[in-house]
Amino acid sequence: MGLEQKLGNMGVVTTTLETAVNWGRTNAMWPMLFGLACCAIEMISTVMPDNDLSRFGMELMRASPRQSDLMIVAGRVSRKMAPVLRRLYDQMPDPKWVIAMGDCASCGGVFNNYAVVQGVDEVVPVDVYVAGCPPRPEALMHGILTLHEKVKREKIKDWA
């Protein structure tokens, strides 16, 4: 049952510009590898064959911020690391998104002291929070799908 059988002889598919661009953005996200602690192991295991992140077009974690549009902050962020994190975020091209993976990235986790940032949202704007200590790869994939739904709802007036 192909597309031709569903459409008949019309040969035309219509959509909106927003839908087409947002579909392209969700299916071509390139995540940046920013693992800081134990959550990084779970993030790395997400691209392994058991979980297969490549079905979302994300089989390659980028090490360069200039080649990525999704930053996954996995682990605790120290006060010394915060300026580096912000610099890397600023070097990413627009549009860009951030996922805070784990309790440490979301709210500081068990490290309630002066040396650890109590939530990465103090440094960069976060789009999706993934809970857990450390969260399973399935939770990260759920966070990515949640981000995809958010991107699919974006409007043209929000692009600027």
C-alpha atoms as a PDB file:
ATOM      1  CA  MET A   1       0.000   0.000   0.000  1.00  0.00           C
ATOM      2  CA  GLY A   2       2.028   2.913  -1.302  1.00  0.00           C
ATOM      3  CA  LEU A   3       1.401   6.610  -1.411  1.00  0.00           C
ATOM      4  CA  GLU A   4       0.133   6.386  -4.990  1.00  0.00           C
ATOM      5  CA  GLN A   5      -2.660   4.021  -3.960  1.00  0.00           C
ATOM      6  CA  LYS A   6      -3.806   6.327  -1.174  1.00  0.00           C
ATOM      7  CA  LEU A   7      -3.750   9.512  -3.279  1.00  0.00           C
ATOM      8  CA  GLY A   8      -4.907   8.075  -6.577  1.00  0.00           C
ATOM      9  CA  ASN A   9      -3.797  10.032  -9.644  1.00  0.00           C
ATOM     10  CA  MET A  10      -3.669  13.392  -7.894  1.00  0.00           C
ATOM     11  CA  GLY A  11       0.132  13.443  -7.617  1.00  0.00           C
ATOM     12  CA  VAL A  12       0.059  16.398  -5.238  1.00  0.00           C
ATOM     13  CA  VAL A  13       0.731  16.535  -1.527  1.00  0.00           C
ATOM     14  CA  THR A  14       0.059  19.789   0.289  1.00  0.00           C
ATOM     15  CA  THR A  15       1.457  20.991   3.584  1.00  0.00           C
ATOM     16  CA  THR A  16       2.418  24.213   5.282  1.00  0.00           C
ATOM     17  CA  LEU A  17       5.864  25.764   5.424  1.00  0.00           C
ATOM     18  CA  GLU A  18       5.886  25.415   9.212  1.00  0.00           C
ATOM     19  CA  THR A  19       5.134  21.704   9.036  1.00  0.00           C
ATOM     20  CA  ALA A  20       7.799  21.017   6.418  1.00  0.00           C
ATOM     21  CA  VAL A  21      10.538  23.004   8.172  1.00  0.00           C
ATOM     22  CA  ASN A  22       9.715  21.605  11.608  1.00  0.00           C
ATOM     23  CA  TRP A  23       9.665  18.064  10.193  1.00  0.00           C
ATOM     24  CA  GLY A  24      13.121  18.659   8.748  1.00  0.00           C
ATOM     25  CA  ARG A  25      14.392  20.079  12.027  1.00  0.00           C
ATOM     26  CA  THR A  26      13.156  17.141  14.083  1.00  0.00           C
ATOM     27  CA  ASN A  27      14.577  14.540  11.712  1.00  0.00           C
ATOM     28  CA  ALA A  28      17.983  16.196  11.388  1.00  0.00           C
ATOM     29  CA  MET A  29      18.951  17.137  14.952  1.00  0.00           C
ATOM     30  CA  TRP A  30      22.632  16.671  15.667  1.00  0.00           C
ATOM     31  CA  PRO A  31      23.336  16.356  19.391  1.00  0.00           C
ATOM     32  CA  MET A  32      26.501  17.675  20.963  1.00  0.00           C
ATOM     33  CA  LEU A  33      28.295  15.370  23.350  1.00  0.00           C
ATOM     34  CA  PHE A  34      28.578  17.175  26.706  1.00  0.00           C
ATOM     35  CA  GLY A  35      28.900  14.473  29.329  1.00  0.00           C
ATOM     36  CA  LEU A  36      30.132  15.553  32.729  1.00  0.00           C
ATOM     37  CA  ALA A  37      29.449  12.663  35.106  1.00  0.00           C
ATOM     38  CA  CYS A  38      27.733   9.276  35.393  1.00  0.00           C
ATOM     39  CA  CYS A  39      24.817  10.417  33.211  1.00  0.00           C
ATOM     40  CA  ALA A  40      27.253  10.542  30.292  1.00  0.00           C
ATOM     41  CA  ILE A  41      27.544   6.744  30.342  1.00  0.00           C
ATOM     42  CA  GLU A  42      23.775   6.433  29.964  1.00  0.00           C
ATOM     43  CA  MET A  43      23.794   9.064  27.206  1.00  0.00           C
ATOM     44  CA  ILE A  44      26.525   7.186  25.344  1.00  0.00           C
ATOM     45  CA  SER A  45      24.645   3.908  25.720  1.00  0.00           C
ATOM     46  CA  THR A  46      21.668   5.513  23.997  1.00  0.00           C
ATOM     47  CA  VAL A  47      23.472   5.307  20.645  1.00  0.00           C
ATOM     48  CA  MET A  48      24.379   1.640  21.140  1.00  0.00           C
ATOM     49  CA  PRO A  49      22.479  -1.037  19.156  1.00  0.00           C
ATOM     50  CA  ASP A  50      20.225  -1.932  22.101  1.00  0.00           C
ATOM     51  CA  ASN A  51      18.600   1.512  22.076  1.00  0.00           C
ATOM     52  CA  ASP A  52      19.485   2.707  18.550  1.00  0.00           C
ATOM     53  CA  LEU A  53      19.201   6.478  18.568  1.00  0.00           C
ATOM     54  CA  SER A  54      19.948   6.405  14.835  1.00  0.00           C
ATOM     55  CA  ARG A  55      16.257   5.789  14.082  1.00  0.00           C
ATOM     56  CA  PHE A  56      15.783   9.472  14.990  1.00  0.00           C
ATOM     57  CA  GLY A  57      18.674  10.580  12.764  1.00  0.00           C
ATOM     58  CA  MET A  58      21.036  11.091  15.710  1.00  0.00           C
ATOM     59  CA  GLU A  59      23.539   8.300  15.304  1.00  0.00           C
ATOM     60  CA  LEU A  60      26.518  10.593  15.585  1.00  0.00           C
ATOM     61  CA  MET A  61      27.235  12.742  18.642  1.00  0.00           C
ATOM     62  CA  ARG A  62      29.088  15.850  17.558  1.00  0.00           C
ATOM     63  CA  ALA A  63      32.067  17.145  19.498  1.00  0.00           C
ATOM     64  CA  SER A  64      31.977  20.561  17.868  1.00  0.00           C
ATOM     65  CA  PRO A  65      29.295  23.099  18.798  1.00  0.00           C
ATOM     66  CA  ARG A  66      29.351  24.515  15.277  1.00  0.00           C
ATOM     67  CA  GLN A  67      28.038  21.235  13.867  1.00  0.00           C
ATOM     68  CA  SER A  68      25.265  20.611  16.389  1.00  0.00           C
ATOM     69  CA  ASP A  69      21.910  22.078  17.273  1.00  0.00           C
ATOM     70  CA  LEU A  70      21.025  20.013  20.350  1.00  0.00           C
ATOM     71  CA  MET A  71      23.038  20.184  23.553  1.00  0.00           C
ATOM     72  CA  ILE A  72      22.472  17.328  25.982  1.00  0.00           C
ATOM     73  CA  VAL A  73      23.944  18.344  29.334  1.00  0.00           C
ATOM     74  CA  ALA A  74      24.479  15.050  31.142  1.00  0.00           C
ATOM     75  CA  GLY A  75      25.685  15.368  34.718  1.00  0.00           C
ATOM     76  CA  ARG A  76      26.612  17.975  37.270  1.00  0.00           C
ATOM     77  CA  VAL A  77      27.929  21.347  36.157  1.00  0.00           C
ATOM     78  CA  SER A  78      30.544  22.943  38.394  1.00  0.00           C
ATOM     79  CA  ARG A  79      30.897  26.707  38.728  1.00  0.00           C
ATOM     80  CA  LYS A  80      34.206  26.427  36.859  1.00  0.00           C
ATOM     81  CA  MET A  81      32.556  24.587  33.979  1.00  0.00           C
ATOM     82  CA  ALA A  82      29.575  26.967  33.666  1.00  0.00           C
ATOM     83  CA  PRO A  83      31.386  29.619  31.535  1.00  0.00           C
ATOM     84  CA  VAL A  84      32.650  26.901  29.198  1.00  0.00           C
ATOM     85  CA  LEU A  85      29.140  25.506  28.864  1.00  0.00           C
ATOM     86  CA  ARG A  86      27.802  28.973  28.029  1.00  0.00           C
ATOM     87  CA  ARG A  87      30.554  29.593  25.478  1.00  0.00           C
ATOM     88  CA  LEU A  88      29.781  26.308  23.723  1.00  0.00           C
ATOM     89  CA  TYR A  89      26.065  27.139  23.727  1.00  0.00           C
ATOM     90  CA  ASP A  90      26.776  30.553  22.188  1.00  0.00           C
ATOM     91  CA  GLN A  91      28.851  28.925  19.429  1.00  0.00           C
ATOM     92  CA  MET A  92      25.981  26.672  18.346  1.00  0.00           C
ATOM     93  CA  PRO A  93      24.028  27.864  15.285  1.00  0.00           C
ATOM     94  CA  ASP A  94      20.388  28.853  15.609  1.00  0.00           C
ATOM     95  CA  PRO A  95      17.954  27.218  16.120  1.00  0.00           C
ATOM     96  CA  LYS A  96      19.368  25.357  19.101  1.00  0.00           C
ATOM     97  CA  TRP A  97      17.880  23.319  21.903  1.00  0.00           C
ATOM     98  CA  VAL A  98      19.058  22.045  25.303  1.00  0.00           C
ATOM     99  CA  ILE A  99      18.148  18.895  27.219  1.00  0.00           C
ATOM    100  CA  ALA A 100      19.116  18.712  30.903  1.00  0.00           C
ATOM    101  CA  MET A 101      19.750  15.026  31.551  1.00  0.00           C
ATOM    102  CA  GLY A 102      19.676  13.777  35.122  1.00  0.00           C
ATOM    103  CA  ASP A 103      18.979  15.257  38.516  1.00  0.00           C
ATOM    104  CA  CYS A 104      22.361  16.985  38.739  1.00  0.00           C
ATOM    105  CA  ALA A 105      21.827  18.915  35.513  1.00  0.00           C
ATOM    106  CA  SER A 106      18.206  19.652  36.379  1.00  0.00           C
ATOM    107  CA  CYS A 107      18.505  20.835  39.988  1.00  0.00           C
ATOM    108  CA  GLY A 108      21.979  20.053  41.350  1.00  0.00           C
ATOM    109  CA  GLY A 109      21.023  16.583  42.547  1.00  0.00           C
ATOM    110  CA  VAL A 110      22.561  15.529  45.853  1.00  0.00           C
ATOM    111  CA  PHE A 111      25.329  18.107  45.477  1.00  0.00           C
ATOM    112  CA  ASN A 112      23.852  21.032  47.384  1.00  0.00           C
ATOM    113  CA  ASN A 113      27.028  23.101  47.772  1.00  0.00           C
ATOM    114  CA  TYR A 114      28.716  26.197  46.442  1.00  0.00           C
ATOM    115  CA  ALA A 115      30.779  24.405  43.786  1.00  0.00           C
ATOM    116  CA  VAL A 116      27.912  22.877  41.769  1.00  0.00           C
ATOM    117  CA  VAL A 117      25.407  24.847  39.713  1.00  0.00           C
ATOM    118  CA  GLN A 118      21.936  24.123  41.095  1.00  0.00           C
ATOM    119  CA  GLY A 119      20.379  23.521  37.706  1.00  0.00           C
ATOM    120  CA  VAL A 120      21.889  24.140  34.300  1.00  0.00           C
ATOM    121  CA  ASP A 121      19.047  26.566  33.561  1.00  0.00           C
ATOM    122  CA  GLU A 122      21.100  29.144  35.481  1.00  0.00           C
ATOM    123  CA  VAL A 123      23.582  29.052  32.585  1.00  0.00           C
ATOM    124  CA  VAL A 124      21.620  28.174  29.418  1.00  0.00           C
ATOM    125  CA  PRO A 125      17.897  28.005  28.615  1.00  0.00           C
ATOM    126  CA  VAL A 126      16.622  24.438  28.938  1.00  0.00           C
ATOM    127  CA  ASP A 127      13.893  23.034  26.716  1.00  0.00           C
ATOM    128  CA  VAL A 128      13.403  19.556  28.200  1.00  0.00           C
ATOM    129  CA  TYR A 129      14.317  18.071  31.587  1.00  0.00           C
ATOM    130  CA  VAL A 130      14.992  14.333  31.868  1.00  0.00           C
ATOM    131  CA  ALA A 131      14.650  13.088  35.437  1.00  0.00           C
ATOM    132  CA  GLY A 132      16.581  10.279  37.061  1.00  0.00           C
ATOM    133  CA  CYS A 133      19.851   9.554  38.795  1.00  0.00           C
ATOM    134  CA  PRO A 134      21.125   8.511  36.295  1.00  0.00           C
ATOM    135  CA  PRO A 135      18.231   8.325  33.853  1.00  0.00           C
ATOM    136  CA  ARG A 136      17.987   5.262  31.668  1.00  0.00           C
ATOM    137  CA  PRO A 137      18.586   5.565  27.918  1.00  0.00           C
ATOM    138  CA  GLU A 138      14.854   5.099  27.400  1.00  0.00           C
ATOM    139  CA  ALA A 139      14.228   8.220  29.479  1.00  0.00           C
ATOM    140  CA  LEU A 140      16.618  10.219  27.298  1.00  0.00           C
ATOM    141  CA  MET A 141      14.865   8.965  24.183  1.00  0.00           C
ATOM    142  CA  HIS A 142      11.545  10.015  25.724  1.00  0.00           C
ATOM    143  CA  GLY A 143      13.051  13.455  26.362  1.00  0.00           C
ATOM    144  CA  ILE A 144      14.181  13.657  22.738  1.00  0.00           C
ATOM    145  CA  LEU A 145      10.703  12.711  21.540  1.00  0.00           C
ATOM    146  CA  THR A 146       9.244  15.355  23.864  1.00  0.00           C
ATOM    147  CA  LEU A 147      11.600  17.900  22.293  1.00  0.00           C
ATOM    148  CA  HIS A 148      10.506  16.735  18.832  1.00  0.00           C
ATOM    149  CA  GLU A 149       6.891  17.412  19.761  1.00  0.00           C
ATOM    150  CA  LYS A 150       7.854  20.869  21.015  1.00  0.00           C
ATOM    151  CA  VAL A 151       9.716  21.656  17.781  1.00  0.00           C
ATOM    152  CA  LYS A 152       6.790  20.425  15.657  1.00  0.00           C
ATOM    153  CA  ARG A 153       4.514  22.965  17.394  1.00  0.00           C
ATOM    154  CA  GLU A 154       6.791  25.964  16.645  1.00  0.00           C
ATOM    155  CA  LYS A 155       5.319  28.771  14.567  1.00  0.00           C
ATOM    156  CA  ILE A 156       6.984  30.982  11.957  1.00  0.00           C
ATOM    157  CA  LYS A 157       6.732  34.035  14.232  1.00  0.00           C
ATOM    158  CA  ASP A 158       8.817  32.158  16.852  1.00  0.00           C
ATOM    159  CA  TRP A 159      11.674  31.470  14.419  1.00  0.00           C
ATOM    160  CA  ALA A 160      13.169  34.959  14.528  1.00  0.00           C
END
